[in-house]
């Protein structure tokens, strides 16, 4: 029974699944599948003193799915895959790949499921959003933004991004909102105080999006890196990440990197951080604006230094 429910829960974290598929995966009859899920729901209801089935049979889909966005338990393999997605360091990311692979080889069924009730609110939100992607679920959220006011929003979640400091959910406003219907924006996951499932839709809501707190990257620029900057970006494997793409290595050992960005301030900050080891590869109106802004920042810094003296 424990092994069967472990397998069922693991599968439902990745996709809704039909009775026939579960019969094949588990090697049991349809009645056994139904009885196993029914017994699990009853056990959870008794334990939590509620009357909500955690696993439901969706007649419209013709499949079993989670009826809640935060199941009582999460398998280690799913938990670790979520953690892996939140590690920006490529070396550590590879380590997590190995851990997950070895976990699957050693038959995860022998390892108890992880209870979700004691996890942080941030991780609970991550689980809810990930399941919303699986279910294609429109969400009702309570959100505190820059105005420090709790607001209710109805959203269609598209992508979860970790900038290294904050988790952002890219979503578009659902038709249930009074205004801004269809408009895409970002929500800090820490600012989301509650997430509720509103309805399931037929369309695939998840999208591959690259971006930051301001939204999706919609522009790019070629940068030339020399000396310490080039060495650092190569050594830390930053040249093949979501934001940066390796272009070529020049005869003088400098490297050309394509950088995706949303605002020119992103480029300004990077060049200032590595001056004089990073420059814009080709002259353009964009490069003129960026260099002008860097000059202005330098003048402001000089003035501030003189005033402090």
Protein backbone atom coordinates (compact mmCIF):
# COMPACT_ATOMS: atom_id res chain seq x y z
CA UNK A 1 0.00 0.00 0.00
CA UNK A 2 2.75 2.48 0.98
CA UNK A 3 4.76 1.73 -2.15
CA UNK A 4 1.68 2.10 -4.36
CA UNK A 5 0.67 5.46 -2.90
CA UNK A 6 4.29 6.66 -3.09
CA UNK A 7 4.31 5.87 -6.81
CA UNK A 8 0.89 7.48 -7.34
CA UNK A 9 1.85 10.71 -5.55
CA UNK A 10 5.17 10.97 -7.42
CA UNK A 11 3.37 10.58 -10.75
CA UNK A 12 0.69 13.15 -9.92
CA UNK A 13 3.34 15.76 -9.10
CA UNK A 14 4.36 15.56 -12.77
CA UNK A 15 1.01 15.11 -14.56
CA UNK A 16 -2.63 14.00 -14.20
CA UNK A 17 -2.75 10.24 -14.83
CA UNK A 18 -5.47 7.86 -16.04
CA UNK A 19 -6.62 4.70 -14.24
CA UNK A 20 -5.25 2.55 -17.06
CA UNK A 21 -1.82 4.18 -16.77
CA UNK A 22 -1.78 3.58 -13.02
CA UNK A 23 -2.86 -0.04 -13.56
CA UNK A 24 0.10 -0.50 -15.92
CA UNK A 25 2.61 1.36 -13.74
CA UNK A 26 1.59 -0.45 -10.56
CA UNK A 27 0.78 -3.81 -12.14
CA UNK A 28 -2.59 -4.02 -10.36
CA UNK A 29 -6.30 -4.03 -11.21
CA UNK A 30 -8.50 -0.97 -11.62
CA UNK A 31 -10.24 -1.79 -8.34
CA UNK A 32 -6.90 -1.82 -6.50
CA UNK A 33 -6.01 1.60 -7.93
CA UNK A 34 -9.37 3.00 -6.83
CA UNK A 35 -9.17 1.40 -3.38
CA UNK A 36 -5.61 2.61 -2.79
CA UNK A 37 -6.49 6.22 -3.59
CA UNK A 38 -9.75 6.09 -1.63
CA UNK A 39 -7.96 4.71 1.43
CA UNK A 40 -5.23 7.37 1.17
CA UNK A 41 -7.82 10.15 1.02
CA UNK A 42 -9.63 8.73 4.05
CA UNK A 43 -6.40 8.44 6.03
CA UNK A 44 -5.48 12.06 5.24
CA UNK A 45 -8.97 13.30 6.18
CA UNK A 46 -8.87 11.49 9.53
CA UNK A 47 -5.33 12.73 10.24
CA UNK A 48 -6.10 16.37 9.36
CA UNK A 49 -9.76 16.31 10.47
CA UNK A 50 -10.99 17.61 7.12
CA UNK A 51 -13.33 16.39 4.40
CA UNK A 52 -11.47 17.28 1.21
CA UNK A 53 -10.12 14.57 -1.08
CA UNK A 54 -6.48 15.22 -1.79
CA UNK A 55 -6.51 13.05 -4.92
CA UNK A 56 -9.58 13.35 -7.14
CA UNK A 57 -10.78 11.70 -10.33
CA UNK A 58 -11.42 14.44 -12.88
CA UNK A 59 -14.12 13.12 -15.23
CA UNK A 60 -13.51 15.95 -17.71
CA UNK A 61 -9.84 14.95 -17.99
CA UNK A 62 -10.53 11.25 -17.55
CA UNK A 63 -7.59 11.22 -15.13
CA UNK A 64 -6.62 11.40 -11.48
CA UNK A 65 -5.09 14.66 -10.29
CA UNK A 66 -4.40 16.50 -7.06
CA UNK A 67 -7.48 18.32 -5.78
CA UNK A 68 -5.29 20.65 -3.72
CA UNK A 69 -2.23 22.74 -4.54
CA UNK A 70 -0.34 21.71 -1.40
CA UNK A 71 -0.52 17.92 -0.93
CA UNK A 72 0.20 16.55 2.54
CA UNK A 73 3.36 14.82 1.32
CA UNK A 74 6.04 15.31 -1.30
CA UNK A 75 8.50 12.61 -2.53
CA UNK A 76 12.22 13.27 -2.10
CA UNK A 77 12.88 13.14 -5.86
CA UNK A 78 10.30 15.88 -6.51
CA UNK A 79 11.52 17.91 -3.54
CA UNK A 80 15.13 17.76 -4.74
CA UNK A 81 14.15 18.66 -8.31
CA UNK A 82 12.45 21.80 -6.96
CA UNK A 83 15.58 22.62 -4.95
CA UNK A 84 17.75 22.05 -8.02
CA UNK A 85 15.67 24.58 -9.98
CA UNK A 86 16.50 27.18 -7.33
CA UNK A 87 20.27 26.81 -7.50
CA UNK A 88 21.93 29.24 -9.90
CA UNK A 89 25.42 27.81 -9.47
CA UNK A 90 25.92 25.40 -12.40
CA UNK A 91 28.34 23.18 -10.49
CA UNK A 92 25.95 22.67 -7.57
CA UNK A 93 23.14 22.20 -10.07
CA UNK A 94 25.06 19.29 -11.60
CA UNK A 95 25.58 17.84 -8.12
CA UNK A 96 21.84 17.85 -7.54
CA UNK A 97 21.35 16.05 -10.87
CA UNK A 98 23.65 13.27 -9.61
CA UNK A 99 21.86 13.08 -6.24
CA UNK A 100 18.44 12.78 -7.89
CA UNK A 101 19.76 10.15 -10.33
CA UNK A 102 21.30 8.07 -7.54
CA UNK A 103 18.13 8.42 -5.48
CA UNK A 104 16.11 6.92 -8.32
CA UNK A 105 18.62 4.07 -8.69
CA UNK A 106 18.31 3.16 -5.01
CA UNK A 107 14.52 2.93 -5.28
CA UNK A 108 13.06 5.94 -3.59
CA UNK A 109 10.06 3.87 -2.48
CA UNK A 110 12.05 2.79 0.58
CA UNK A 111 12.41 6.43 1.69
CA UNK A 112 9.47 8.03 3.58
CA UNK A 113 7.58 10.90 1.98
CA UNK A 114 8.33 14.42 3.23
CA UNK A 115 5.43 16.09 5.11
CA UNK A 116 4.78 19.55 3.66
CA UNK A 117 3.12 21.15 6.69
CA UNK A 118 6.42 22.20 8.35
CA UNK A 119 8.04 23.65 5.22
CA UNK A 120 8.60 27.41 4.89
CA UNK A 121 5.88 29.53 3.34
CA UNK A 122 8.20 30.26 0.43
CA UNK A 123 8.67 26.57 -0.34
CA UNK A 124 4.95 25.93 0.06
CA UNK A 125 4.32 28.66 -2.51
CA UNK A 126 6.85 27.07 -4.86
CA UNK A 127 5.07 23.70 -4.57
CA UNK A 128 1.69 25.34 -5.22
CA UNK A 129 2.94 27.20 -8.28
CA UNK A 130 4.68 24.12 -9.69
CA UNK A 131 1.48 22.11 -9.33
CA UNK A 132 -0.48 24.95 -10.95
CA UNK A 133 1.76 24.52 -14.01
CA UNK A 134 1.04 20.77 -14.03
CA UNK A 135 -2.72 21.31 -13.72
CA UNK A 136 -2.98 24.40 -15.97
CA UNK A 137 -4.71 26.14 -13.08
CA UNK A 138 -5.95 29.72 -12.87
CA UNK A 139 -5.07 31.01 -9.40
CA UNK A 140 -6.55 33.40 -6.89
CA UNK A 141 -3.77 35.07 -4.90
CA UNK A 142 -3.56 37.57 -2.09
CA UNK A 143 -0.56 39.78 -2.77
CA UNK A 144 1.28 42.58 -1.01
CA UNK A 145 3.21 44.66 -3.55
CA UNK A 146 5.12 47.93 -3.40
CA UNK A 147 2.01 49.77 -2.18
CA UNK A 148 2.05 47.55 0.95
CA UNK A 149 -1.63 46.84 0.43
CA UNK A 150 -3.11 43.34 0.41
CA UNK A 151 -4.86 42.81 -2.93
CA UNK A 152 -6.72 39.89 -4.46
CA UNK A 153 -5.66 38.99 -8.00
CA UNK A 154 -6.71 36.29 -10.45
CA UNK A 155 -3.75 35.13 -12.49
CA UNK A 156 -2.63 32.62 -15.10
CA UNK A 157 0.85 31.46 -13.98
CA UNK A 158 3.47 31.08 -16.71
CA UNK A 159 6.97 30.72 -15.27
CA UNK A 160 8.88 30.76 -11.99
CA UNK A 161 12.26 32.51 -11.99
CA UNK A 162 14.93 32.65 -9.30
CA UNK A 163 17.20 35.68 -9.68
CA UNK A 164 19.54 34.49 -6.93
CA UNK A 165 17.92 36.81 -4.40
CA UNK A 166 14.19 36.56 -4.98
CA UNK A 167 11.72 34.18 -6.61
CA UNK A 168 9.44 35.79 -9.16
CA UNK A 169 6.30 34.39 -10.72
CA UNK A 170 5.57 35.55 -14.27
CA UNK A 171 1.83 35.57 -14.81
CA UNK A 172 -0.90 37.30 -16.76
CA UNK A 173 -4.13 38.69 -15.37
CA UNK A 174 -7.12 36.40 -15.88
CA UNK A 175 -10.50 37.61 -17.16
CA UNK A 176 -11.86 37.41 -13.59
CA UNK A 177 -10.02 40.66 -12.81
CA UNK A 178 -11.75 43.99 -13.19
CA UNK A 179 -8.80 45.60 -14.99
CA UNK A 180 -5.55 44.78 -16.84
CA UNK A 181 -6.95 41.54 -18.29
CA UNK A 182 -4.25 39.71 -20.25
CA UNK A 183 -1.47 41.98 -19.02
CA UNK A 184 1.68 40.13 -18.00
CA UNK A 185 3.60 41.06 -14.85
CA UNK A 186 5.86 39.63 -12.16
CA UNK A 187 4.98 38.78 -8.57
CA UNK A 188 7.54 38.28 -5.81
CA UNK A 189 6.76 34.90 -4.28
CA UNK A 190 7.50 36.30 -0.81
CA UNK A 191 4.78 38.88 -1.36
CA UNK A 192 2.13 36.24 -2.10
CA UNK A 193 0.26 35.54 1.16
CA UNK A 194 -2.16 32.93 -0.14
CA UNK A 195 -2.66 30.86 -3.29
CA UNK A 196 -5.96 29.18 -4.15
CA UNK A 197 -6.96 27.08 -7.15
CA UNK A 198 -9.72 28.84 -9.11
CA UNK A 199 -10.27 26.66 -12.16
CA UNK A 200 -8.50 24.44 -14.65
CA UNK A 201 -8.19 25.50 -18.29
CA UNK A 202 -7.53 23.52 -21.45
CA UNK A 203 -4.59 25.62 -22.62
CA UNK A 204 -1.00 25.10 -21.47
CA UNK A 205 -0.16 27.96 -19.13
CA UNK A 206 3.53 27.24 -18.57
CA UNK A 207 5.96 29.13 -20.81
CA UNK A 208 9.75 29.26 -21.00
CA UNK A 209 10.53 32.82 -19.98
CA UNK A 210 13.90 34.42 -19.30
CA UNK A 211 13.88 37.58 -17.28
CA UNK A 212 14.27 39.38 -13.96
CA UNK A 213 12.14 41.32 -11.51
CA UNK A 214 11.16 43.83 -14.19
CA UNK A 215 9.84 41.21 -16.59
CA UNK A 216 10.94 39.15 -19.58
CA UNK A 217 14.28 39.88 -21.23
CA UNK A 218 13.37 41.47 -24.55
CA UNK A 219 16.71 42.95 -25.68
CA UNK A 220 20.28 41.74 -26.13
CA UNK A 221 23.77 43.22 -26.49
CA UNK A 222 27.22 41.82 -27.28
CA UNK A 223 29.83 42.54 -24.62
CA UNK A 224 33.59 42.10 -24.87
CA UNK A 225 35.28 40.81 -21.72
CA UNK A 226 38.99 40.93 -21.01
CA UNK A 227 41.39 40.00 -18.22
CA UNK A 228 39.80 39.18 -14.88
CA UNK A 229 36.25 39.52 -16.19
CA UNK A 230 36.86 36.98 -18.98
CA UNK A 231 38.61 34.59 -16.58
CA UNK A 232 35.82 34.85 -14.01
CA UNK A 233 32.98 34.30 -16.47
CA UNK A 234 34.72 31.26 -17.98
CA UNK A 235 35.79 29.76 -14.66
CA UNK A 236 32.37 30.12 -13.05
CA UNK A 237 30.60 28.86 -16.21
CA UNK A 238 28.49 32.01 -16.41
CA UNK A 239 28.87 32.14 -20.19
CA UNK A 240 26.14 29.56 -20.77
CA UNK A 241 23.37 30.60 -18.42
CA UNK A 242 19.89 32.03 -18.78
CA UNK A 243 21.17 35.60 -19.02
CA UNK A 244 24.50 35.11 -20.84
CA UNK A 245 25.45 33.23 -23.99
CA UNK A 246 29.00 32.56 -25.20
CA UNK A 247 29.66 33.94 -28.70
CA UNK A 248 33.39 33.55 -29.39
CA UNK A 249 36.94 33.82 -28.04
CA UNK A 250 39.10 36.43 -29.74
CA UNK A 251 42.80 36.28 -30.68
CA UNK A 252 43.69 38.54 -27.71
CA UNK A 253 42.05 36.03 -25.29
CA UNK A 254 39.08 38.30 -24.73
CA UNK A 255 35.62 36.75 -25.10
CA UNK A 256 32.42 37.98 -26.69
CA UNK A 257 29.28 37.37 -24.63
CA UNK A 258 25.67 37.94 -25.60
CA UNK A 259 23.75 39.40 -22.67
CA UNK A 260 19.97 39.41 -22.45
CA UNK A 261 18.43 42.31 -20.55
CA UNK A 262 15.25 44.16 -19.76
CA UNK A 263 16.56 47.60 -18.82
CA UNK A 264 19.76 49.37 -19.86
CA UNK A 265 20.52 49.81 -16.17
CA UNK A 266 21.36 46.08 -16.11
CA UNK A 267 24.22 46.73 -18.57
CA UNK A 268 25.33 49.86 -16.69
CA UNK A 269 25.64 47.92 -13.43
CA UNK A 270 27.65 45.09 -14.99
CA UNK A 271 30.13 47.36 -16.77
CA UNK A 272 30.60 49.48 -13.65
CA UNK A 273 31.26 46.35 -11.63
CA UNK A 274 34.07 45.19 -13.94
CA UNK A 275 35.49 48.46 -15.32
CA UNK A 276 37.65 48.57 -17.38
CA UNK A 277 37.47 44.85 -18.24
CA UNK A 278 34.05 44.90 -19.94
CA UNK A 279 32.98 47.03 -22.89
CA UNK A 280 30.18 47.04 -25.45
CA UNK A 281 31.40 45.31 -28.61
CA UNK A 282 29.94 47.64 -31.24
CA UNK A 283 29.06 51.32 -31.19
CA UNK A 284 25.36 52.16 -31.25
CA UNK A 285 22.84 54.59 -29.79
CA UNK A 286 22.38 52.13 -26.92
CA UNK A 287 26.11 52.07 -26.15
CA UNK A 288 26.19 55.90 -26.20
CA UNK A 289 23.39 56.06 -23.64
CA UNK A 290 24.98 53.43 -21.42
CA UNK A 291 28.44 55.07 -21.45
CA UNK A 292 26.88 58.45 -20.77
CA UNK A 293 25.04 57.05 -17.77
CA UNK A 294 28.27 55.53 -16.44
CA UNK A 295 30.00 58.92 -16.77
CA UNK A 296 27.15 60.60 -14.90
CA UNK A 297 27.37 57.99 -12.14
CA UNK A 298 31.12 58.58 -11.85
CA UNK A 299 30.62 62.36 -11.58
CA UNK A 300 27.92 61.85 -8.92
CA UNK A 301 30.21 59.54 -6.98
CA UNK A 302 33.06 62.07 -7.15
CA UNK A 303 30.80 64.82 -5.86
CA UNK A 304 29.56 62.63 -3.01
CA UNK A 305 33.16 61.77 -2.06
CA UNK A 306 34.17 65.46 -2.00
CA UNK A 307 31.13 66.36 0.12
CA UNK A 308 31.91 63.60 2.61
CA UNK A 309 35.46 64.93 2.99
